[in-house]
Amino acid sequence: MDMKVLEDLHDWTAKVARLIELVAFTNKTLQLHRELGDTPSIIKQYERLLAEQQQELDELLRTYGLTVKLLPLETAA
């Protein structure tokens, strides 16, 4: 494998890891806002942010033919 391919893979891996971290943080924050009974507008903002992050992650993963199933925090084992 040449160095360019390895560098590209390294960059891709860093982006995927960061997005997974963001998705996890946003999912947890969304759960907290729901539990606190915050306003629907705040909850909708976090739902939109989570959907955007998940879409970006899906697009990155498709680059290498991968998919990940993300479950809402309340149903995760």
Protein backbone atom coordinates (compact mmCIF):
# COMPACT_ATOMS: atom_id res chain seq x y z
CA MET A 1 0.00 0.00 0.00
CA ASP A 2 1.46 3.38 -0.91
CA MET A 3 1.84 6.26 1.56
CA LYS A 4 -1.00 8.34 0.05
CA VAL A 5 -3.47 5.50 0.57
CA LEU A 6 -2.28 5.06 4.16
CA GLU A 7 -2.55 8.80 4.85
CA ASP A 8 -6.06 8.90 3.38
CA LEU A 9 -7.09 5.91 5.50
CA HIS A 10 -5.61 7.52 8.60
CA ASP A 11 -7.54 10.75 7.94
CA TRP A 12 -10.73 8.78 7.29
CA THR A 13 -10.27 6.85 10.54
CA ALA A 14 -9.81 10.05 12.54
CA LYS A 15 -12.98 11.55 11.03
CA VAL A 16 -15.00 8.41 11.74
CA ALA A 17 -13.75 8.24 15.34
CA ARG A 18 -14.57 11.92 15.92
CA LEU A 19 -18.06 11.53 14.47
CA ILE A 20 -18.76 8.48 16.61
CA GLU A 21 -17.70 10.51 19.64
CA LEU A 22 -19.97 13.39 18.59
CA VAL A 23 -22.92 11.07 17.96
CA ALA A 24 -22.48 9.45 21.38
CA PHE A 25 -22.22 12.83 23.13
CA THR A 26 -25.22 14.28 21.27
CA ASN A 27 -27.29 11.15 21.93
CA LYS A 28 -26.52 11.36 25.65
CA THR A 29 -27.26 15.10 25.73
CA LEU A 30 -30.55 14.53 23.93
CA GLN A 31 -31.53 11.88 26.46
CA LEU A 32 -30.71 14.27 29.30
CA HIS A 33 -32.86 17.06 27.80
CA ARG A 34 -35.75 14.62 27.36
CA GLU A 35 -35.44 13.43 30.97
CA LEU A 36 -35.38 17.03 32.22
CA GLY A 37 -38.52 17.79 30.23
CA ASP A 38 -36.91 20.61 28.29
CA THR A 39 -38.84 22.51 25.65
CA PRO A 40 -39.68 20.76 22.40
CA SER A 41 -37.59 23.30 20.47
CA ILE A 42 -34.41 22.36 22.37
CA ILE A 43 -35.12 18.67 21.89
CA LYS A 44 -35.77 19.21 18.16
CA GLN A 45 -32.44 21.05 17.82
CA TYR A 46 -30.57 18.09 19.30
CA GLU A 47 -32.54 15.64 17.18
CA ARG A 48 -31.58 17.60 14.04
CA LEU A 49 -27.94 17.76 15.12
CA LEU A 50 -27.90 14.02 15.80
CA ALA A 51 -29.47 13.29 12.40
CA GLU A 52 -26.86 15.47 10.65
CA GLN A 53 -24.01 13.74 12.48
CA GLN A 54 -25.42 10.31 11.69
CA GLN A 55 -25.80 11.22 8.02
CA GLU A 56 -22.21 12.44 7.83
CA LEU A 57 -21.01 9.26 9.54
CA ASP A 58 -23.04 7.10 7.14
CA GLU A 59 -21.50 8.88 4.15
CA LEU A 60 -17.97 8.39 5.48
CA LEU A 61 -18.57 4.72 6.21
CA ARG A 62 -19.99 4.09 2.74
CA THR A 63 -16.60 5.17 1.36
CA TYR A 64 -15.29 1.76 2.46
CA GLY A 65 -18.54 -0.17 2.05
CA LEU A 66 -19.40 -0.12 5.75
CA THR A 67 -22.58 0.57 7.68
CA VAL A 68 -23.32 0.95 11.37
CA LYS A 69 -26.68 0.63 13.06
CA LEU A 70 -27.15 3.32 15.70
CA LEU A 71 -29.76 2.72 18.37
CA PRO A 72 -31.44 5.39 20.47
CA LEU A 73 -29.81 5.49 23.89
CA GLU A 74 -32.93 4.30 25.72
CA THR A 75 -33.02 1.07 23.67
CA ALA A 76 -29.29 0.35 23.67
CA ALA A 77 -28.21 -2.69 25.65
